[in-house]
Amino acid sequence: MLKIGLTGGIGSGKSTVAKYFAKLKAPVIDADEIVHKLLEPKTSAYKKIISHFGKTFLTSRKLINKKKLRDVIFSNNKERLWLEKLLHPRTIAQMQGYAKKIHAPYCIMVIPLLFETKLPIKVDRRLVIDCPKKTQINRIRSRDHAGIKQIQNIIKTQASR
């Protein structure tokens, strides 16, 4: 099976492109969706994150406060690397497991950090989604209600154009 790694910076349009492929009935495996599941209560990753960062990182509903987590990891490289070390192996294992179950000529693997990290995941082709930086910033501000400083910190951790 041909594995196509769909990648690009935050706010570049990866999710929109992945939805187009899904509408065409292409199998899509999305790393971000897997991470969201890994952060659900009672998972081992959830427990390790709360143990590491503390219960102040929980919302009133006992969910991980993703905004607070993002604020810390994109302003503190050491914490970002700790979180990546925790989540990346789990994410890759699940992506590879899902890929093995697909019986199609190809699949789309949405991997935002395909180039930035040395992930041990093999793709046969890479599809890079990009857009003008101004568009990227506007999308992130609109979607995540993030401040410009945080957006710049996130963009700095990603591959340069």
N, C-alpha and C. Protein backbone atom coordinates (compact mmCIF):
# COMPACT_ATOMS: atom_id res chain seq x y z
N MET A 1 0.83 -1.17 0.00
CA MET A 1 0.00 0.00 0.00
C MET A 1 0.89 1.25 0.00
N LEU A 2 0.51 2.20 -0.80
CA LEU A 2 1.21 3.48 -0.89
C LEU A 2 0.78 4.36 0.27
N LYS A 3 1.75 4.82 1.06
CA LYS A 3 1.45 5.71 2.18
C LYS A 3 1.87 7.12 1.80
N ILE A 4 0.90 8.02 1.82
CA ILE A 4 1.16 9.42 1.48
C ILE A 4 1.15 10.23 2.77
N GLY A 5 2.28 10.84 3.09
CA GLY A 5 2.39 11.68 4.27
C GLY A 5 1.96 13.09 3.95
N LEU A 6 0.83 13.50 4.50
CA LEU A 6 0.30 14.85 4.29
C LEU A 6 0.79 15.71 5.45
N THR A 7 1.51 16.76 5.14
CA THR A 7 2.11 17.57 6.20
C THR A 7 2.03 19.05 5.84
N GLY A 8 2.36 19.88 6.80
CA GLY A 8 2.35 21.32 6.62
C GLY A 8 2.28 21.99 7.97
N GLY A 9 2.54 23.27 7.99
CA GLY A 9 2.53 24.01 9.25
C GLY A 9 1.13 24.17 9.81
N ILE A 10 1.07 24.62 11.05
CA ILE A 10 -0.20 24.88 11.70
C ILE A 10 -0.98 25.91 10.89
N GLY A 11 -2.25 25.67 10.68
CA GLY A 11 -3.09 26.60 9.94
C GLY A 11 -2.86 26.62 8.45
N SER A 12 -2.13 25.64 7.93
CA SER A 12 -1.81 25.64 6.49
C SER A 12 -2.95 25.10 5.63
N GLY A 13 -3.83 24.30 6.23
CA GLY A 13 -4.93 23.71 5.47
C GLY A 13 -4.88 22.20 5.38
N LYS A 14 -4.06 21.56 6.22
CA LYS A 14 -3.93 20.09 6.20
C LYS A 14 -5.27 19.40 6.43
N SER A 15 -6.00 19.87 7.42
CA SER A 15 -7.29 19.23 7.75
C SER A 15 -8.28 19.37 6.61
N THR A 16 -8.28 20.51 5.96
CA THR A 16 -9.18 20.73 4.82
C THR A 16 -8.83 19.77 3.69
N VAL A 17 -7.55 19.63 3.40
CA VAL A 17 -7.11 18.71 2.34
C VAL A 17 -7.45 17.27 2.72
N ALA A 18 -7.23 16.91 3.98
CA ALA A 18 -7.55 15.55 4.44
C ALA A 18 -9.04 15.27 4.28
N LYS A 19 -9.88 16.26 4.55
CA LYS A 19 -11.34 16.09 4.38
C LYS A 19 -11.69 15.87 2.91
N TYR A 20 -10.99 16.55 2.01
CA TYR A 20 -11.22 16.33 0.58
C TYR A 20 -10.90 14.88 0.20
N PHE A 21 -9.77 14.38 0.70
CA PHE A 21 -9.42 12.98 0.43
C PHE A 21 -10.46 12.03 1.02
N ALA A 22 -10.92 12.32 2.22
CA ALA A 22 -11.92 11.46 2.86
C ALA A 22 -13.22 11.45 2.05
N LYS A 23 -13.62 12.61 1.51
CA LYS A 23 -14.82 12.67 0.67
C LYS A 23 -14.68 11.80 -0.58
N LEU A 24 -13.44 11.64 -1.03
CA LEU A 24 -13.17 10.78 -2.18
C LEU A 24 -13.00 9.32 -1.77
N LYS A 25 -13.30 9.03 -0.51
CA LYS A 25 -13.24 7.67 0.06
C LYS A 25 -11.82 7.16 0.26
N ALA A 26 -10.85 8.06 0.31
CA ALA A 26 -9.48 7.65 0.60
C ALA A 26 -9.36 7.43 2.11
N PRO A 27 -8.70 6.36 2.53
CA PRO A 27 -8.48 6.17 3.96
C PRO A 27 -7.54 7.25 4.49
N VAL A 28 -7.94 7.88 5.60
CA VAL A 28 -7.15 8.95 6.20
C VAL A 28 -6.85 8.58 7.65
N ILE A 29 -5.57 8.65 8.01
CA ILE A 29 -5.14 8.43 9.39
C ILE A 29 -4.52 9.75 9.84
N ASP A 30 -5.10 10.37 10.86
CA ASP A 30 -4.69 11.70 11.29
C ASP A 30 -4.00 11.65 12.65
N ALA A 31 -2.75 12.06 12.69
CA ALA A 31 -1.98 12.04 13.94
C ALA A 31 -2.63 12.91 15.01
N ASP A 32 -3.17 14.07 14.62
CA ASP A 32 -3.80 14.95 15.61
C ASP A 32 -5.01 14.29 16.26
N GLU A 33 -5.79 13.55 15.47
CA GLU A 33 -6.96 12.85 16.03
C GLU A 33 -6.51 11.78 17.02
N ILE A 34 -5.42 11.12 16.71
CA ILE A 34 -4.89 10.10 17.63
C ILE A 34 -4.43 10.75 18.92
N VAL A 35 -3.73 11.88 18.81
CA VAL A 35 -3.25 12.58 20.00
C VAL A 35 -4.44 13.01 20.87
N HIS A 36 -5.51 13.49 20.26
CA HIS A 36 -6.69 13.88 21.04
C HIS A 36 -7.22 12.70 21.85
N LYS A 37 -7.20 11.51 21.26
CA LYS A 37 -7.65 10.31 21.98
C LYS A 37 -6.67 9.93 23.09
N LEU A 38 -5.38 10.13 22.83
CA LEU A 38 -4.37 9.83 23.85
C LEU A 38 -4.50 10.73 25.08
N LEU A 39 -5.07 11.91 24.89
CA LEU A 39 -5.21 12.87 25.98
C LEU A 39 -6.50 12.69 26.77
N GLU A 40 -7.30 11.71 26.40
CA GLU A 40 -8.56 11.47 27.11
C GLU A 40 -8.29 10.92 28.51
N PRO A 41 -9.18 11.24 29.45
CA PRO A 41 -9.01 10.75 30.83
C PRO A 41 -8.82 9.23 30.89
N LYS A 42 -8.04 8.83 31.85
CA LYS A 42 -7.76 7.43 32.17
C LYS A 42 -6.74 6.76 31.24
N THR A 43 -6.28 7.45 30.20
CA THR A 43 -5.22 6.86 29.37
C THR A 43 -3.90 7.02 30.11
N SER A 44 -2.92 6.21 29.74
CA SER A 44 -1.61 6.32 30.41
C SER A 44 -0.95 7.66 30.10
N ALA A 45 -1.13 8.17 28.89
CA ALA A 45 -0.54 9.47 28.54
C ALA A 45 -1.17 10.58 29.39
N TYR A 46 -2.48 10.54 29.54
CA TYR A 46 -3.20 11.51 30.38
C TYR A 46 -2.61 11.51 31.79
N LYS A 47 -2.47 10.33 32.35
CA LYS A 47 -1.97 10.20 33.72
C LYS A 47 -0.54 10.74 33.84
N LYS A 48 0.29 10.45 32.85
CA LYS A 48 1.68 10.93 32.89
C LYS A 48 1.75 12.45 32.74
N ILE A 49 0.89 13.01 31.91
CA ILE A 49 0.87 14.46 31.72
C ILE A 49 0.45 15.15 33.02
N ILE A 50 -0.58 14.63 33.66
CA ILE A 50 -1.05 15.23 34.92
C ILE A 50 0.00 15.05 36.02
N SER A 51 0.65 13.90 36.03
CA SER A 51 1.71 13.67 37.01
C SER A 51 2.87 14.66 36.80
N HIS A 52 3.19 14.92 35.54
CA HIS A 52 4.31 15.80 35.20
C HIS A 52 3.97 17.28 35.42
N PHE A 53 2.82 17.72 34.88
CA PHE A 53 2.48 19.15 34.92
C PHE A 53 1.62 19.54 36.12
N GLY A 54 0.92 18.59 36.71
CA GLY A 54 0.08 18.88 37.87
C GLY A 54 -1.39 19.02 37.52
N LYS A 55 -2.21 18.94 38.57
CA LYS A 55 -3.67 18.99 38.39
C LYS A 55 -4.17 20.36 37.97
N THR A 56 -3.32 21.37 38.04
CA THR A 56 -3.74 22.69 37.56
C THR A 56 -3.91 22.69 36.04
N PHE A 57 -3.47 21.63 35.39
CA PHE A 57 -3.62 21.50 33.94
C PHE A 57 -4.92 20.80 33.56
N LEU A 58 -5.80 20.62 34.54
CA LEU A 58 -7.10 20.01 34.27
C LEU A 58 -8.18 21.09 34.26
N THR A 59 -9.18 20.88 33.42
CA THR A 59 -10.35 21.75 33.42
C THR A 59 -11.27 21.30 34.55
N SER A 60 -12.35 22.02 34.76
CA SER A 60 -13.32 21.64 35.79
C SER A 60 -13.96 20.29 35.50
N ARG A 61 -13.93 19.87 34.23
CA ARG A 61 -14.49 18.57 33.84
C ARG A 61 -13.43 17.46 33.84
N LYS A 62 -12.25 17.75 34.40
CA LYS A 62 -11.15 16.79 34.53
C LYS A 62 -10.53 16.41 33.18
N LEU A 63 -10.64 17.30 32.20
CA LEU A 63 -9.99 17.12 30.91
C LEU A 63 -8.69 17.92 30.93
N ILE A 64 -7.75 17.52 30.10
CA ILE A 64 -6.50 18.29 30.00
C ILE A 64 -6.83 19.63 29.36
N ASN A 65 -6.36 20.69 29.99
CA ASN A 65 -6.57 22.03 29.47
C ASN A 65 -5.54 22.23 28.34
N LYS A 66 -5.99 22.01 27.11
CA LYS A 66 -5.08 22.03 25.97
C LYS A 66 -4.49 23.41 25.72
N LYS A 67 -5.25 24.45 26.00
CA LYS A 67 -4.72 25.79 25.82
C LYS A 67 -3.57 26.04 26.80
N LYS A 68 -3.76 25.66 28.04
CA LYS A 68 -2.71 25.83 29.05
C LYS A 68 -1.48 24.99 28.70
N LEU A 69 -1.73 23.77 28.25
CA LEU A 69 -0.63 22.89 27.85
C LEU A 69 0.14 23.50 26.68
N ARG A 70 -0.60 24.01 25.70
CA ARG A 70 0.03 24.63 24.53
C ARG A 70 0.84 25.85 24.94
N ASP A 71 0.30 26.66 25.86
CA ASP A 71 1.03 27.84 26.34
C ASP A 71 2.40 27.45 26.89
N VAL A 72 2.44 26.37 27.65
CA VAL A 72 3.70 25.93 28.27
C VAL A 72 4.64 25.32 27.24
N ILE A 73 4.14 24.40 26.43
CA ILE A 73 5.07 23.68 25.55
C ILE A 73 5.64 24.54 24.43
N PHE A 74 4.92 25.59 24.05
CA PHE A 74 5.47 26.44 22.99
C PHE A 74 6.23 27.65 23.54
N SER A 75 6.38 27.70 24.85
CA SER A 75 7.25 28.73 25.43
C SER A 75 8.41 28.10 26.19
N ASN A 76 8.41 26.77 26.29
CA ASN A 76 9.45 26.06 27.03
C ASN A 76 9.86 24.82 26.23
N ASN A 77 11.00 24.92 25.58
CA ASN A 77 11.47 23.85 24.70
C ASN A 77 11.64 22.51 25.43
N LYS A 78 12.13 22.57 26.66
CA LYS A 78 12.33 21.34 27.44
C LYS A 78 10.99 20.61 27.66
N GLU A 79 9.95 21.36 27.98
CA GLU A 79 8.63 20.75 28.20
C GLU A 79 8.03 20.23 26.90
N ARG A 80 8.27 20.95 25.81
CA ARG A 80 7.77 20.49 24.51
C ARG A 80 8.42 19.16 24.14
N LEU A 81 9.73 19.08 24.33
CA LEU A 81 10.44 17.84 24.02
C LEU A 81 9.98 16.69 24.92
N TRP A 82 9.70 16.98 26.19
CA TRP A 82 9.19 15.95 27.10
C TRP A 82 7.86 15.41 26.58
N LEU A 83 6.96 16.32 26.19
CA LEU A 83 5.64 15.90 25.71
C LEU A 83 5.75 15.13 24.40
N GLU A 84 6.62 15.58 23.50
CA GLU A 84 6.82 14.86 22.23
C GLU A 84 7.35 13.45 22.49
N LYS A 85 8.29 13.33 23.43
CA LYS A 85 8.85 12.01 23.76
C LYS A 85 7.76 11.08 24.30
N LEU A 86 6.80 11.63 25.01
CA LEU A 86 5.70 10.84 25.54
C LEU A 86 4.70 10.46 24.45
N LEU A 87 4.29 11.42 23.64
CA LEU A 87 3.18 11.21 22.70
C LEU A 87 3.58 10.62 21.35
N HIS A 88 4.74 10.99 20.83
CA HIS A 88 5.10 10.55 19.48
C HIS A 88 5.17 9.03 19.32
N PRO A 89 5.84 8.30 20.20
CA PRO A 89 5.88 6.84 20.02
C PRO A 89 4.48 6.20 20.04
N ARG A 90 3.62 6.69 20.93
CA ARG A 90 2.26 6.16 21.01
C ARG A 90 1.47 6.48 19.73
N THR A 91 1.64 7.70 19.25
CA THR A 91 0.94 8.13 18.04
C THR A 91 1.38 7.30 16.84
N ILE A 92 2.68 7.13 16.70
CA ILE A 92 3.22 6.36 15.57
C ILE A 92 2.75 4.92 15.63
N ALA A 93 2.79 4.32 16.81
CA ALA A 93 2.34 2.93 16.95
C ALA A 93 0.89 2.78 16.51
N GLN A 94 0.04 3.72 16.91
CA GLN A 94 -1.36 3.63 16.51
C GLN A 94 -1.53 3.87 15.02
N MET A 95 -0.80 4.82 14.47
CA MET A 95 -0.89 5.09 13.02
C MET A 95 -0.49 3.85 12.23
N GLN A 96 0.61 3.22 12.63
CA GLN A 96 1.06 2.02 11.93
C GLN A 96 0.07 0.88 12.09
N GLY A 97 -0.53 0.76 13.27
CA GLY A 97 -1.55 -0.27 13.49
C GLY A 97 -2.76 -0.06 12.60
N TYR A 98 -3.22 1.19 12.50
CA TYR A 98 -4.36 1.49 11.63
C TYR A 98 -4.01 1.21 10.17
N ALA A 99 -2.80 1.59 9.76
CA ALA A 99 -2.39 1.39 8.37
C ALA A 99 -2.38 -0.09 7.99
N LYS A 100 -1.97 -0.95 8.92
CA LYS A 100 -1.94 -2.39 8.64
C LYS A 100 -3.32 -2.96 8.38
N LYS A 101 -4.34 -2.32 8.93
CA LYS A 101 -5.71 -2.81 8.78
C LYS A 101 -6.40 -2.29 7.52
N ILE A 102 -5.75 -1.39 6.82
CA ILE A 102 -6.35 -0.81 5.62
C ILE A 102 -6.07 -1.69 4.42
N HIS A 103 -7.11 -2.02 3.70
CA HIS A 103 -6.98 -2.81 2.47
C HIS A 103 -7.38 -1.92 1.30
N ALA A 104 -6.47 -1.04 0.95
CA ALA A 104 -6.69 -0.09 -0.14
C ALA A 104 -5.36 0.11 -0.83
N PRO A 105 -5.38 0.64 -2.05
CA PRO A 105 -4.11 0.85 -2.76
C PRO A 105 -3.23 1.92 -2.11
N TYR A 106 -3.85 2.84 -1.36
CA TYR A 106 -3.08 3.89 -0.71
C TYR A 106 -3.85 4.42 0.50
N CYS A 107 -3.14 5.16 1.35
CA CYS A 107 -3.80 5.87 2.44
C CYS A 107 -3.08 7.19 2.66
N ILE A 108 -3.82 8.12 3.24
CA ILE A 108 -3.28 9.44 3.57
C ILE A 108 -2.96 9.43 5.06
N MET A 109 -1.73 9.78 5.39
CA MET A 109 -1.31 9.85 6.79
C MET A 109 -1.01 11.31 7.10
N VAL A 110 -1.89 11.94 7.87
CA VAL A 110 -1.73 13.35 8.21
C VAL A 110 -0.76 13.43 9.39
N ILE A 111 0.44 13.96 9.11
CA ILE A 111 1.51 14.01 10.11
C ILE A 111 2.07 15.44 10.13
N PRO A 112 1.56 16.29 11.02
CA PRO A 112 2.01 17.69 11.03
C PRO A 112 3.51 17.88 11.16
N LEU A 113 4.18 17.05 11.93
CA LEU A 113 5.62 17.23 12.17
C LEU A 113 6.48 16.22 11.41
N LEU A 114 6.08 15.88 10.22
CA LEU A 114 6.78 14.87 9.43
C LEU A 114 8.25 15.23 9.21
N PHE A 115 8.54 16.50 8.95
CA PHE A 115 9.91 16.92 8.68
C PHE A 115 10.65 17.40 9.93
N GLU A 116 9.92 17.93 10.91
CA GLU A 116 10.55 18.55 12.07
C GLU A 116 11.15 17.54 13.05
N THR A 117 10.52 16.41 13.17
CA THR A 117 11.00 15.40 14.12
C THR A 117 11.48 14.18 13.34
N LYS A 118 12.31 13.44 13.96
CA LYS A 118 12.82 12.23 13.30
C LYS A 118 11.91 11.05 13.65
N LEU A 119 10.68 11.16 13.22
CA LEU A 119 9.71 10.11 13.51
C LEU A 119 10.04 8.86 12.72
N PRO A 120 10.04 7.71 13.37
CA PRO A 120 10.33 6.46 12.66
C PRO A 120 9.10 5.93 11.93
N ILE A 121 8.55 6.75 11.07
CA ILE A 121 7.38 6.33 10.29
C ILE A 121 7.72 6.52 8.82
N LYS A 122 7.46 5.49 8.05
CA LYS A 122 7.83 5.52 6.64
C LYS A 122 6.63 5.89 5.79
N VAL A 123 6.82 6.89 4.95
CA VAL A 123 5.81 7.22 3.94
C VAL A 123 6.48 7.13 2.58
N ASP A 124 5.69 6.81 1.58
CA ASP A 124 6.23 6.65 0.23
C ASP A 124 6.28 7.97 -0.54
N ARG A 125 5.34 8.84 -0.23
CA ARG A 125 5.28 10.16 -0.87
C ARG A 125 4.95 11.19 0.21
N ARG A 126 5.35 12.43 -0.05
CA ARG A 126 5.04 13.52 0.87
C ARG A 126 4.25 14.58 0.12
N LEU A 127 3.17 15.01 0.73
CA LEU A 127 2.34 16.08 0.18
C LEU A 127 2.37 17.22 1.18
N VAL A 128 3.03 18.32 0.81
CA VAL A 128 3.20 19.45 1.71
C VAL A 128 2.15 20.51 1.39
N ILE A 129 1.40 20.90 2.42
CA ILE A 129 0.39 21.94 2.27
C ILE A 129 0.97 23.22 2.85
N ASP A 130 0.85 24.30 2.10
CA ASP A 130 1.39 25.58 2.55
C ASP A 130 0.44 26.70 2.15
N CYS A 131 0.60 27.82 2.77
CA CYS A 131 -0.18 29.01 2.44
C CYS A 131 0.64 30.22 2.87
N PRO A 132 0.25 31.41 2.45
CA PRO A 132 0.99 32.60 2.88
C PRO A 132 0.96 32.72 4.41
N LYS A 133 2.04 33.23 4.98
CA LYS A 133 2.16 33.33 6.44
C LYS A 133 1.01 34.15 7.04
N LYS A 134 0.62 35.21 6.37
CA LYS A 134 -0.48 36.06 6.87
C LYS A 134 -1.77 35.25 6.97
N THR A 135 -2.05 34.44 5.96
CA THR A 135 -3.23 33.57 5.97
C THR A 135 -3.14 32.58 7.12
N GLN A 136 -1.96 32.01 7.28
CA GLN A 136 -1.72 31.04 8.36
C GLN A 136 -2.01 31.68 9.72
N ILE A 137 -1.48 32.84 9.96
CA ILE A 137 -1.67 33.53 11.24
C ILE A 137 -3.15 33.85 11.46
N ASN A 138 -3.81 34.35 10.43
CA ASN A 138 -5.24 34.68 10.56
C ASN A 138 -6.08 33.44 10.87
N ARG A 139 -5.76 32.33 10.23
CA ARG A 139 -6.50 31.09 10.49
C ARG A 139 -6.32 30.64 11.94
N ILE A 140 -5.09 30.69 12.42
CA ILE A 140 -4.81 30.24 13.79
C ILE A 140 -5.50 31.16 14.79
N ARG A 141 -5.42 32.46 14.57
CA ARG A 141 -6.07 33.42 15.49
C ARG A 141 -7.57 33.18 15.53
N SER A 142 -8.15 32.94 14.38
CA SER A 142 -9.59 32.73 14.30
C SER A 142 -10.01 31.40 14.95
N ARG A 143 -9.27 30.36 14.65
CA ARG A 143 -9.62 29.01 15.13
C ARG A 143 -9.28 28.80 16.60
N ASP A 144 -8.08 29.20 17.00
CA ASP A 144 -7.59 28.89 18.34
C ASP A 144 -7.65 30.06 19.32
N HIS A 145 -7.99 31.24 18.81
CA HIS A 145 -8.02 32.45 19.65
C HIS A 145 -6.69 32.65 20.36
N ALA A 146 -5.62 32.37 19.64
CA ALA A 146 -4.27 32.49 20.20
C ALA A 146 -3.71 33.88 19.93
N GLY A 147 -2.84 34.31 20.81
CA GLY A 147 -2.17 35.59 20.63
C GLY A 147 -1.04 35.47 19.63
N ILE A 148 -0.62 36.60 19.10
CA ILE A 148 0.41 36.61 18.06
C ILE A 148 1.73 36.03 18.57
N LYS A 149 2.09 36.29 19.82
CA LYS A 149 3.35 35.77 20.37
C LYS A 149 3.32 34.24 20.40
N GLN A 150 2.21 33.68 20.86
CA GLN A 150 2.10 32.22 20.91
C GLN A 150 2.13 31.63 19.49
N ILE A 151 1.45 32.27 18.57
CA ILE A 151 1.45 31.79 17.18
C ILE A 151 2.87 31.80 16.63
N GLN A 152 3.61 32.87 16.88
CA GLN A 152 4.99 32.94 16.42
C GLN A 152 5.85 31.85 17.05
N ASN A 153 5.63 31.56 18.33
CA ASN A 153 6.37 30.48 19.00
C ASN A 153 6.07 29.13 18.37
N ILE A 154 4.82 28.89 18.04
CA ILE A 154 4.44 27.62 17.41
C ILE A 154 5.09 27.51 16.04
N ILE A 155 4.98 28.56 15.25
CA ILE A 155 5.53 28.55 13.89
C ILE A 155 7.05 28.34 13.93
N LYS A 156 7.72 28.90 14.94
CA LYS A 156 9.18 28.74 15.08
C LYS A 156 9.59 27.28 15.25
N THR A 157 8.73 26.47 15.85
CA THR A 157 9.08 25.07 16.10
C THR A 157 8.86 24.20 14.86
N GLN A 158 8.27 24.78 13.83
CA GLN A 158 7.96 24.01 12.63
C GLN A 158 8.96 24.30 11.52
N ALA A 159 8.95 23.45 10.52
CA ALA A 159 9.90 23.59 9.41
C ALA A 159 9.75 24.96 8.75
N SER A 160 10.87 25.52 8.36
CA SER A 160 10.83 26.82 7.69
C SER A 160 10.43 26.61 6.23
N ARG A 161 9.96 27.68 5.64
CA ARG A 161 9.49 27.60 4.25
C ARG A 161 10.67 27.54 3.31
